[in-house]
Every structure is written in structure tokens, then in C-alpha cells.
Amino acid sequence: MVKTIPFEPPTSLVVYTGKMTDQLDVDKAVLNLTRYLNACVSEMELVAVTLGKTSLTDLSKSDLCTLDPFIAKATGIELGYISTEDQNRF
């Protein structure tokens, strides 16, 4: 992706009509995507263990918090800086 910058936007690698689509090494891209997704799963597992969970399926909405009041309202997730009892006031 970095090789296309500053002359082409990075999206030109993955957009079918992009100018540099023919330069994308699909096998290398697959390997890198696989590594990225495996790293994401590993980080999620570390978070679950840190929360005292034994499986990712044990995680629930109550394990989350947000610092943005708009996100809290929209998703029903508690604000991180307000006590549980005072959540309805915000």
C-alpha cells in the first residue's frame, strides 16, 4: 500500500478499475490479511482473559464501556466515567 503513495491513493490497489491493480501480489496480500486477522483474534483472546472470561462467547455488552455520550445513548453501552447508578442521567 505504501508504494502507491504519494502518487496514487492506496485504494487504487484494491479497486478493480485502479491504475495499480495489476501490481497487487495476491498471494502476499492473502498471507498478510491472514496474519492480520489472526493477530486480531489473538488480541481479542487476550482481552477476554484479562476480563476473566474463558471464551470469546462469554463476552457481553456489560463488558464494554465508552467515553462518548452519543455512542453510549445509541448503543446502550455505559459511559466509562459515570457510575452505574447515574448512567440514566446522561
PDB file of N, CA and C in Angstrom:
ATOM      1  N   MET A   1       0.832  -1.183   0.000  1.00  0.00           N
ATOM      2  CA  MET A   1       0.000   0.000   0.000  1.00  0.00           C
ATOM      3  C   MET A   1       0.878   1.249   0.000  1.00  0.00           C
ATOM      4  N   VAL A   2       1.957   1.225   0.749  1.00  0.00           N
ATOM      5  CA  VAL A   2       2.818   2.398   0.863  1.00  0.00           C
ATOM      6  C   VAL A   2       3.468   2.745  -0.469  1.00  0.00           C
ATOM      7  N   LYS A   3       3.690   1.757  -1.312  1.00  0.00           N
ATOM      8  CA  LYS A   3       4.359   2.017  -2.587  1.00  0.00           C
ATOM      9  C   LYS A   3       3.512   2.877  -3.521  1.00  0.00           C
ATOM     10  N   THR A   4       2.231   2.914  -3.333  1.00  0.00           N
ATOM     11  CA  THR A   4       1.384   3.728  -4.206  1.00  0.00           C
ATOM     12  C   THR A   4       1.346   5.188  -3.788  1.00  0.00           C
ATOM     13  N   ILE A   5       1.728   5.463  -2.587  1.00  0.00           N
ATOM     14  CA  ILE A   5       1.688   6.834  -2.071  1.00  0.00           C
ATOM     15  C   ILE A   5       2.985   7.527  -2.457  1.00  0.00           C
ATOM     16  N   PRO A   6       3.087   8.759  -2.818  1.00  0.00           N
ATOM     17  CA  PRO A   6       2.058   9.783  -2.828  1.00  0.00           C
ATOM     18  C   PRO A   6       1.376   9.946  -4.182  1.00  0.00           C
ATOM     19  N   PHE A   7       1.735   9.123  -5.150  1.00  0.00           N
ATOM     20  CA  PHE A   7       1.219   9.335  -6.498  1.00  0.00           C
ATOM     21  C   PHE A   7      -0.167   8.755  -6.725  1.00  0.00           C
ATOM     22  N   GLU A   8      -0.506   7.713  -6.006  1.00  0.00           N
ATOM     23  CA  GLU A   8      -1.809   7.075  -6.155  1.00  0.00           C
ATOM     24  C   GLU A   8      -2.398   6.827  -4.772  1.00  0.00           C
ATOM     25  N   PRO A   9      -3.700   6.899  -4.653  1.00  0.00           N
ATOM     26  CA  PRO A   9      -4.309   6.556  -3.363  1.00  0.00           C
ATOM     27  C   PRO A   9      -4.183   5.050  -3.119  1.00  0.00           C
ATOM     28  N   PRO A  10      -4.070   4.625  -1.858  1.00  0.00           N
ATOM     29  CA  PRO A  10      -3.928   3.208  -1.556  1.00  0.00           C
ATOM     30  C   PRO A  10      -5.088   2.370  -2.079  1.00  0.00           C
ATOM     31  N   THR A  11      -6.249   2.973  -2.211  1.00  0.00           N
ATOM     32  CA  THR A  11      -7.408   2.219  -2.698  1.00  0.00           C
ATOM     33  C   THR A  11      -7.239   1.784  -4.144  1.00  0.00           C
ATOM     34  N   SER A  12      -6.312   2.395  -4.868  1.00  0.00           N
ATOM     35  CA  SER A  12      -6.134   2.010  -6.270  1.00  0.00           C
ATOM     36  C   SER A  12      -5.578   0.594  -6.401  1.00  0.00           C
ATOM     37  N   LEU A  13      -5.079   0.029  -5.307  1.00  0.00           N
ATOM     38  CA  LEU A  13      -4.615  -1.357  -5.347  1.00  0.00           C
ATOM     39  C   LEU A  13      -5.765  -2.346  -5.330  1.00  0.00           C
ATOM     40  N   VAL A  14      -6.826  -2.015  -4.641  1.00  0.00           N
ATOM     41  CA  VAL A  14      -7.901  -2.977  -4.450  1.00  0.00           C
ATOM     42  C   VAL A  14      -9.149  -2.691  -5.275  1.00  0.00           C
ATOM     43  N   VAL A  15      -9.261  -1.505  -5.810  1.00  0.00           N
ATOM     44  CA  VAL A  15     -10.401  -1.173  -6.650  1.00  0.00           C
ATOM     45  C   VAL A  15     -10.145  -1.760  -8.036  1.00  0.00           C
ATOM     46  N   TYR A  16     -11.110  -2.449  -8.574  1.00  0.00           N
ATOM     47  CA  TYR A  16     -10.930  -3.157  -9.843  1.00  0.00           C
ATOM     48  C   TYR A  16     -10.439  -2.251 -10.967  1.00  0.00           C
ATOM     49  N   THR A  17     -10.898  -1.025 -10.976  1.00  0.00           N
ATOM     50  CA  THR A  17     -10.516  -0.113 -12.056  1.00  0.00           C
ATOM     51  C   THR A  17      -9.294   0.722 -11.708  1.00  0.00           C
ATOM     52  N   GLY A  18      -8.655   0.441 -10.573  1.00  0.00           N
ATOM     53  CA  GLY A  18      -7.481   1.199 -10.151  1.00  0.00           C
ATOM     54  C   GLY A  18      -6.310   1.021 -11.101  1.00  0.00           C
ATOM     55  N   LYS A  19      -5.441   2.024 -11.151  1.00  0.00           N
ATOM     56  CA  LYS A  19      -4.306   2.004 -12.072  1.00  0.00           C
ATOM     57  C   LYS A  19      -3.251   0.961 -11.678  1.00  0.00           C
ATOM     58  N   MET A  20      -3.143   0.643 -10.400  1.00  0.00           N
ATOM     59  CA  MET A  20      -2.081  -0.255  -9.943  1.00  0.00           C
ATOM     60  C   MET A  20      -2.593  -1.631  -9.551  1.00  0.00           C
ATOM     61  N   THR A  21      -3.798  -1.971  -9.924  1.00  0.00           N
ATOM     62  CA  THR A  21      -4.391  -3.256  -9.575  1.00  0.00           C
ATOM     63  C   THR A  21      -3.530  -4.411 -10.060  1.00  0.00           C
ATOM     64  N   ASP A  22      -2.936  -4.277 -11.226  1.00  0.00           N
ATOM     65  CA  ASP A  22      -2.119  -5.355 -11.781  1.00  0.00           C
ATOM     66  C   ASP A  22      -0.841  -5.590 -10.990  1.00  0.00           C
ATOM     67  N   GLN A  23      -0.446  -4.670 -10.133  1.00  0.00           N
ATOM     68  CA  GLN A  23       0.774  -4.800  -9.346  1.00  0.00           C
ATOM     69  C   GLN A  23       0.530  -5.448  -7.983  1.00  0.00           C
ATOM     70  N   LEU A  24      -0.705  -5.742  -7.667  1.00  0.00           N
ATOM     71  CA  LEU A  24      -1.016  -6.367  -6.385  1.00  0.00           C
ATOM     72  C   LEU A  24      -0.612  -7.834  -6.421  1.00  0.00           C
ATOM     73  N   ASP A  25       0.241  -8.229  -5.497  1.00  0.00           N
ATOM     74  CA  ASP A  25       0.643  -9.629  -5.363  1.00  0.00           C
ATOM     75  C   ASP A  25      -0.408 -10.307  -4.489  1.00  0.00           C
ATOM     76  N   VAL A  26      -1.309 -11.032  -5.118  1.00  0.00           N
ATOM     77  CA  VAL A  26      -2.460 -11.615  -4.428  1.00  0.00           C
ATOM     78  C   VAL A  26      -2.014 -12.599  -3.353  1.00  0.00           C
ATOM     79  N   ASP A  27      -1.032 -13.437  -3.649  1.00  0.00           N
ATOM     80  CA  ASP A  27      -0.578 -14.409  -2.655  1.00  0.00           C
ATOM     81  C   ASP A  27      -0.010 -13.725  -1.414  1.00  0.00           C
ATOM     82  N   LYS A  28       0.766 -12.680  -1.617  1.00  0.00           N
ATOM     83  CA  LYS A  28       1.332 -11.934  -0.490  1.00  0.00           C
ATOM     84  C   LYS A  28       0.215 -11.202   0.275  1.00  0.00           C
ATOM     85  N   ALA A  29      -0.747 -10.671  -0.454  1.00  0.00           N
ATOM     86  CA  ALA A  29      -1.866  -9.977   0.178  1.00  0.00           C
ATOM     87  C   ALA A  29      -2.677 -10.939   1.042  1.00  0.00           C
ATOM     88  N   VAL A  30      -2.904 -12.151   0.546  1.00  0.00           N
ATOM     89  CA  VAL A  30      -3.641 -13.168   1.308  1.00  0.00           C
ATOM     90  C   VAL A  30      -2.892 -13.506   2.580  1.00  0.00           C
ATOM     91  N   LEU A  31      -1.582 -13.696   2.474  1.00  0.00           N
ATOM     92  CA  LEU A  31      -0.762 -14.015   3.639  1.00  0.00           C
ATOM     93  C   LEU A  31      -0.818 -12.891   4.676  1.00  0.00           C
ATOM     94  N   ASN A  32      -0.690 -11.654   4.213  1.00  0.00           N
ATOM     95  CA  ASN A  32      -0.730 -10.512   5.134  1.00  0.00           C
ATOM     96  C   ASN A  32      -2.099 -10.356   5.783  1.00  0.00           C
ATOM     97  N   LEU A  33      -3.168 -10.565   5.023  1.00  0.00           N
ATOM     98  CA  LEU A  33      -4.511 -10.477   5.591  1.00  0.00           C
ATOM     99  C   LEU A  33      -4.740 -11.575   6.622  1.00  0.00           C
ATOM    100  N   THR A  34      -4.261 -12.777   6.322  1.00  0.00           N
ATOM    101  CA  THR A  34      -4.378 -13.890   7.267  1.00  0.00           C
ATOM    102  C   THR A  34      -3.648 -13.573   8.560  1.00  0.00           C
ATOM    103  N   ARG A  35      -2.445 -13.053   8.446  1.00  0.00           N
ATOM    104  CA  ARG A  35      -1.671 -12.675   9.642  1.00  0.00           C
ATOM    105  C   ARG A  35      -2.396 -11.596  10.441  1.00  0.00           C
ATOM    106  N   TYR A  36      -2.945 -10.605   9.751  1.00  0.00           N
ATOM    107  CA  TYR A  36      -3.666  -9.520  10.430  1.00  0.00           C
ATOM    108  C   TYR A  36      -4.881 -10.053  11.182  1.00  0.00           C
ATOM    109  N   LEU A  37      -5.674 -10.894  10.535  1.00  0.00           N
ATOM    110  CA  LEU A  37      -6.876 -11.422  11.178  1.00  0.00           C
ATOM    111  C   LEU A  37      -6.518 -12.327  12.358  1.00  0.00           C
ATOM    112  N   ASN A  38      -5.459 -13.128  12.229  1.00  0.00           N
ATOM    113  CA  ASN A  38      -5.010 -13.958  13.341  1.00  0.00           C
ATOM    114  C   ASN A  38      -4.536 -13.103  14.515  1.00  0.00           C
ATOM    115  N   ALA A  39      -3.858 -11.994  14.226  1.00  0.00           N
ATOM    116  CA  ALA A  39      -3.421 -11.079  15.280  1.00  0.00           C
ATOM    117  C   ALA A  39      -4.630 -10.446  15.975  1.00  0.00           C
ATOM    118  N   CYS A  40      -5.674 -10.121  15.208  1.00  0.00           N
ATOM    119  CA  CYS A  40      -6.903  -9.563  15.799  1.00  0.00           C
ATOM    120  C   CYS A  40      -7.543 -10.556  16.763  1.00  0.00           C
ATOM    121  N   VAL A  41      -7.621 -11.814  16.351  1.00  0.00           N
ATOM    122  CA  VAL A  41      -8.208 -12.851  17.203  1.00  0.00           C
ATOM    123  C   VAL A  41      -7.366 -13.020  18.462  1.00  0.00           C
ATOM    124  N   SER A  42      -6.041 -13.005  18.329  1.00  0.00           N
ATOM    125  CA  SER A  42      -5.164 -13.138  19.497  1.00  0.00           C
ATOM    126  C   SER A  42      -5.383 -11.995  20.481  1.00  0.00           C
ATOM    127  N   GLU A  43      -5.529 -10.788  19.971  1.00  0.00           N
ATOM    128  CA  GLU A  43      -5.772  -9.644  20.854  1.00  0.00           C
ATOM    129  C   GLU A  43      -7.130  -9.747  21.538  1.00  0.00           C
ATOM    130  N   MET A  44      -8.144 -10.214  20.813  1.00  0.00           N
ATOM    131  CA  MET A  44      -9.460 -10.396  21.427  1.00  0.00           C
ATOM    132  C   MET A  44      -9.387 -11.450  22.529  1.00  0.00           C
ATOM    133  N   GLU A  45      -8.613 -12.518  22.299  1.00  0.00           N
ATOM    134  CA  GLU A  45      -8.456 -13.554  23.315  1.00  0.00           C
ATOM    135  C   GLU A  45      -7.761 -13.001  24.554  1.00  0.00           C
ATOM    136  N   LEU A  46      -6.750 -12.147  24.355  1.00  0.00           N
ATOM    137  CA  LEU A  46      -6.057 -11.531  25.490  1.00  0.00           C
ATOM    138  C   LEU A  46      -7.005 -10.648  26.303  1.00  0.00           C
ATOM    139  N   VAL A  47      -7.862  -9.912  25.625  1.00  0.00           N
ATOM    140  CA  VAL A  47      -8.847  -9.080  26.315  1.00  0.00           C
ATOM    141  C   VAL A  47      -9.795  -9.951  27.119  1.00  0.00           C
ATOM    142  N   ALA A  48     -10.253 -11.047  26.525  1.00  0.00           N
ATOM    143  CA  ALA A  48     -11.177 -11.953  27.218  1.00  0.00           C
ATOM    144  C   ALA A  48     -10.528 -12.529  28.466  1.00  0.00           C
ATOM    145  N   VAL A  49      -9.283 -12.947  28.360  1.00  0.00           N
ATOM    146  CA  VAL A  49      -8.573 -13.494  29.520  1.00  0.00           C
ATOM    147  C   VAL A  49      -8.404 -12.420  30.594  1.00  0.00           C
ATOM    148  N   THR A  50      -8.080 -11.213  30.172  1.00  0.00           N
ATOM    149  CA  THR A  50      -7.922 -10.104  31.118  1.00  0.00           C
ATOM    150  C   THR A  50      -9.223  -9.835  31.883  1.00  0.00           C
ATOM    151  N   LEU A  51     -10.350 -10.020  31.230  1.00  0.00           N
ATOM    152  CA  LEU A  51     -11.652  -9.812  31.865  1.00  0.00           C
ATOM    153  C   LEU A  51     -12.095 -11.024  32.686  1.00  0.00           C
ATOM    154  N   GLY A  52     -11.280 -12.067  32.702  1.00  0.00           N
ATOM    155  CA  GLY A  52     -11.621 -13.255  33.460  1.00  0.00           C
ATOM    156  C   GLY A  52     -12.560 -14.196  32.730  1.00  0.00           C
ATOM    157  N   LYS A  53     -12.654 -14.052  31.433  1.00  0.00           N
ATOM    158  CA  LYS A  53     -13.528 -14.914  30.622  1.00  0.00           C
ATOM    159  C   LYS A  53     -12.712 -16.079  30.087  1.00  0.00           C
ATOM    160  N   THR A  54     -13.369 -17.188  29.824  1.00  0.00           N
ATOM    161  CA  THR A  54     -12.677 -18.353  29.288  1.00  0.00           C
ATOM    162  C   THR A  54     -12.902 -18.526  27.788  1.00  0.00           C
ATOM    163  N   SER A  55     -13.790 -17.723  27.215  1.00  0.00           N
ATOM    164  CA  SER A  55     -14.097 -17.836  25.800  1.00  0.00           C
ATOM    165  C   SER A  55     -14.579 -16.484  25.284  1.00  0.00           C
ATOM    166  N   LEU A  56     -14.375 -16.244  23.999  1.00  0.00           N
ATOM    167  CA  LEU A  56     -14.872 -15.000  23.406  1.00  0.00           C
ATOM    168  C   LEU A  56     -16.392 -14.928  23.462  1.00  0.00           C
ATOM    169  N   THR A  57     -17.044 -16.072  23.457  1.00  0.00           N
ATOM    170  CA  THR A  57     -18.508 -16.084  23.522  1.00  0.00           C
ATOM    171  C   THR A  57     -19.021 -15.685  24.898  1.00  0.00           C
ATOM    172  N   ASP A  58     -18.142 -15.668  25.902  1.00  0.00           N
ATOM    173  CA  ASP A  58     -18.535 -15.234  27.245  1.00  0.00           C
ATOM    174  C   ASP A  58     -18.616 -13.716  27.360  1.00  0.00           C
ATOM    175  N   LEU A  59     -18.043 -13.000  26.401  1.00  0.00           N
ATOM    176  CA  LEU A  59     -18.092 -11.536  26.430  1.00  0.00           C
ATOM    177  C   LEU A  59     -19.498 -11.052  26.131  1.00  0.00           C
ATOM    178  N   SER A  60     -19.886  -9.979  26.799  1.00  0.00           N
ATOM    179  CA  SER A  60     -21.213  -9.413  26.570  1.00  0.00           C
ATOM    180  C   SER A  60     -21.132  -7.894  26.560  1.00  0.00           C
ATOM    181  N   LYS A  61     -22.235  -7.284  26.320  1.00  0.00           N
ATOM    182  CA  LYS A  61     -22.338  -5.827  26.281  1.00  0.00           C
ATOM    183  C   LYS A  61     -21.925  -5.201  27.614  1.00  0.00           C
ATOM    184  N   SER A  62     -22.153  -5.925  28.696  1.00  0.00           N
ATOM    185  CA  SER A  62     -21.812  -5.393  30.017  1.00  0.00           C
ATOM    186  C   SER A  62     -20.303  -5.307  30.240  1.00  0.00           C
ATOM    187  N   ASP A  63     -19.514  -5.940  29.386  1.00  0.00           N
ATOM    188  CA  ASP A  63     -18.060  -5.874  29.492  1.00  0.00           C
ATOM    189  C   ASP A  63     -17.494  -4.641  28.797  1.00  0.00           C
ATOM    190  N   LEU A  64     -18.342  -3.887  28.123  1.00  0.00           N
ATOM    191  CA  LEU A  64     -17.908  -2.731  27.352  1.00  0.00           C
ATOM    192  C   LEU A  64     -18.245  -1.428  28.054  1.00  0.00           C
ATOM    193  N   CYS A  65     -17.506  -0.388  27.700  1.00  0.00           N
ATOM    194  CA  CYS A  65     -17.865   0.972  28.099  1.00  0.00           C
ATOM    195  C   CYS A  65     -17.360   1.899  27.004  1.00  0.00           C
ATOM    196  N   THR A  66     -17.873   3.107  26.984  1.00  0.00           N
ATOM    197  CA  THR A  66     -17.447   4.101  26.007  1.00  0.00           C
ATOM    198  C   THR A  66     -17.217   5.424  26.709  1.00  0.00           C
ATOM    199  N   LEU A  67     -16.463   6.288  26.086  1.00  0.00           N
ATOM    200  CA  LEU A  67     -16.224   7.622  26.625  1.00  0.00           C
ATOM    201  C   LEU A  67     -17.032   8.675  25.888  1.00  0.00           C
ATOM    202  N   ASP A  68     -17.773   8.250  24.883  1.00  0.00           N
ATOM    203  CA  ASP A  68     -18.568   9.164  24.070  1.00  0.00           C
ATOM    204  C   ASP A  68     -20.038   9.034  24.448  1.00  0.00           C
ATOM    205  N   PRO A  69     -20.662  10.107  24.943  1.00  0.00           N
ATOM    206  CA  PRO A  69     -22.063  10.023  25.365  1.00  0.00           C
ATOM    207  C   PRO A  69     -23.029   9.694  24.224  1.00  0.00           C
ATOM    208  N   PHE A  70     -22.718  10.111  23.014  1.00  0.00           N
ATOM    209  CA  PHE A  70     -23.597   9.805  21.876  1.00  0.00           C
ATOM    210  C   PHE A  70     -23.564   8.316  21.549  1.00  0.00           C
ATOM    211  N   ILE A  71     -22.383   7.719  21.587  1.00  0.00           N
ATOM    212  CA  ILE A  71     -22.269   6.279  21.359  1.00  0.00           C
ATOM    213  C   ILE A  71     -22.964   5.518  22.474  1.00  0.00           C
ATOM    214  N   ALA A  72     -22.836   6.008  23.695  1.00  0.00           N
ATOM    215  CA  ALA A  72     -23.490   5.358  24.827  1.00  0.00           C
ATOM    216  C   ALA A  72     -25.004   5.335  24.642  1.00  0.00           C
ATOM    217  N   LYS A  73     -25.574   6.463  24.229  1.00  0.00           N
ATOM    218  CA  LYS A  73     -27.021   6.538  24.005  1.00  0.00           C
ATOM    219  C   LYS A  73     -27.461   5.624  22.866  1.00  0.00           C
ATOM    220  N   ALA A  74     -26.703   5.648  21.783  1.00  0.00           N
ATOM    221  CA  ALA A  74     -27.085   4.890  20.593  1.00  0.00           C
ATOM    222  C   ALA A  74     -26.976   3.383  20.786  1.00  0.00           C
ATOM    223  N   THR A  75     -26.000   2.953  21.579  1.00  0.00           N
ATOM    224  CA  THR A  75     -25.749   1.516  21.710  1.00  0.00           C
ATOM    225  C   THR A  75     -26.220   0.918  23.027  1.00  0.00           C
ATOM    226  N   GLY A  76     -26.498   1.776  24.005  1.00  0.00           N
ATOM    227  CA  GLY A  76     -26.892   1.268  25.318  1.00  0.00           C
ATOM    228  C   GLY A  76     -25.709   0.792  26.144  1.00  0.00           C
ATOM    229  N   ILE A  77     -24.510   1.199  25.752  1.00  0.00           N
ATOM    230  CA  ILE A  77     -23.296   0.851  26.492  1.00  0.00           C
ATOM    231  C   ILE A  77     -23.036   1.945  27.520  1.00  0.00           C
ATOM    232  N   GLU A  78     -22.589   1.548  28.700  1.00  0.00           N
ATOM    233  CA  GLU A  78     -22.372   2.524  29.777  1.00  0.00           C
ATOM    234  C   GLU A  78     -21.208   3.456  29.467  1.00  0.00           C
ATOM    235  N   LEU A  79     -21.339   4.679  29.987  1.00  0.00           N
ATOM    236  CA  LEU A  79     -20.238   5.630  29.926  1.00  0.00           C
ATOM    237  C   LEU A  79     -19.189   5.196  30.935  1.00  0.00           C
ATOM    238  N   GLY A  80     -17.932   5.240  30.539  1.00  0.00           N
ATOM    239  CA  GLY A  80     -16.858   4.762  31.397  1.00  0.00           C
ATOM    240  C   GLY A  80     -16.575   5.644  32.588  1.00  0.00           C
ATOM    241  N   TYR A  81     -16.957   6.894  32.531  1.00  0.00           N
ATOM    242  CA  TYR A  81     -16.613   7.820  33.604  1.00  0.00           C
ATOM    243  C   TYR A  81     -17.804   8.176  34.496  1.00  0.00           C
ATOM    244  N   ILE A  82     -18.914   7.453  34.364  1.00  0.00           N
ATOM    245  CA  ILE A  82     -20.110   7.684  35.174  1.00  0.00           C
ATOM    246  C   ILE A  82     -20.453   6.389  35.902  1.00  0.00           C
ATOM    247  N   SER A  83     -20.806   6.496  37.176  1.00  0.00           N
ATOM    248  CA  SER A  83     -21.156   5.289  37.921  1.00  0.00           C
ATOM    249  C   SER A  83     -22.402   4.635  37.323  1.00  0.00           C
ATOM    250  N   THR A  84     -22.533   3.352  37.553  1.00  0.00           N
ATOM    251  CA  THR A  84     -23.659   2.594  37.015  1.00  0.00           C
ATOM    252  C   THR A  84     -24.994   3.183  37.446  1.00  0.00           C
ATOM    253  N   GLU A  85     -25.055   3.651  38.669  1.00  0.00           N
ATOM    254  CA  GLU A  85     -26.298   4.208  39.201  1.00  0.00           C
ATOM    255  C   GLU A  85     -26.697   5.509  38.508  1.00  0.00           C
ATOM    256  N   ASP A  86     -25.736   6.271  38.042  1.00  0.00           N
ATOM    257  CA  ASP A  86     -26.003   7.583  37.450  1.00  0.00           C
ATOM    258  C   ASP A  86     -26.066   7.569  35.922  1.00  0.00           C
ATOM    259  N   GLN A  87     -26.023   6.403  35.295  1.00  0.00           N
ATOM    260  CA  GLN A  87     -25.996   6.316  33.839  1.00  0.00           C
ATOM    261  C   GLN A  87     -27.230   6.949  33.183  1.00  0.00           C
ATOM    262  N   ASN A  88     -28.394   6.802  33.781  1.00  0.00           N
ATOM    263  CA  ASN A  88     -29.629   7.315  33.168  1.00  0.00           C
ATOM    264  C   ASN A  88     -29.678   8.836  33.113  1.00  0.00           C
ATOM    265  N   ARG A  89     -28.911   9.502  33.942  1.00  0.00           N
ATOM    266  CA  ARG A  89     -28.903  10.965  33.942  1.00  0.00           C
ATOM    267  C   ARG A  89     -28.168  11.527  32.720  1.00  0.00           C
ATOM    268  N   PHE A  90     -27.365  10.731  32.057  1.00  0.00           N
ATOM    269  CA  PHE A  90     -26.545  11.247  30.969  1.00  0.00           C
ATOM    270  C   PHE A  90     -26.971  10.763  29.648  1.00  0.00           C
TER     271      PHE A  90
END
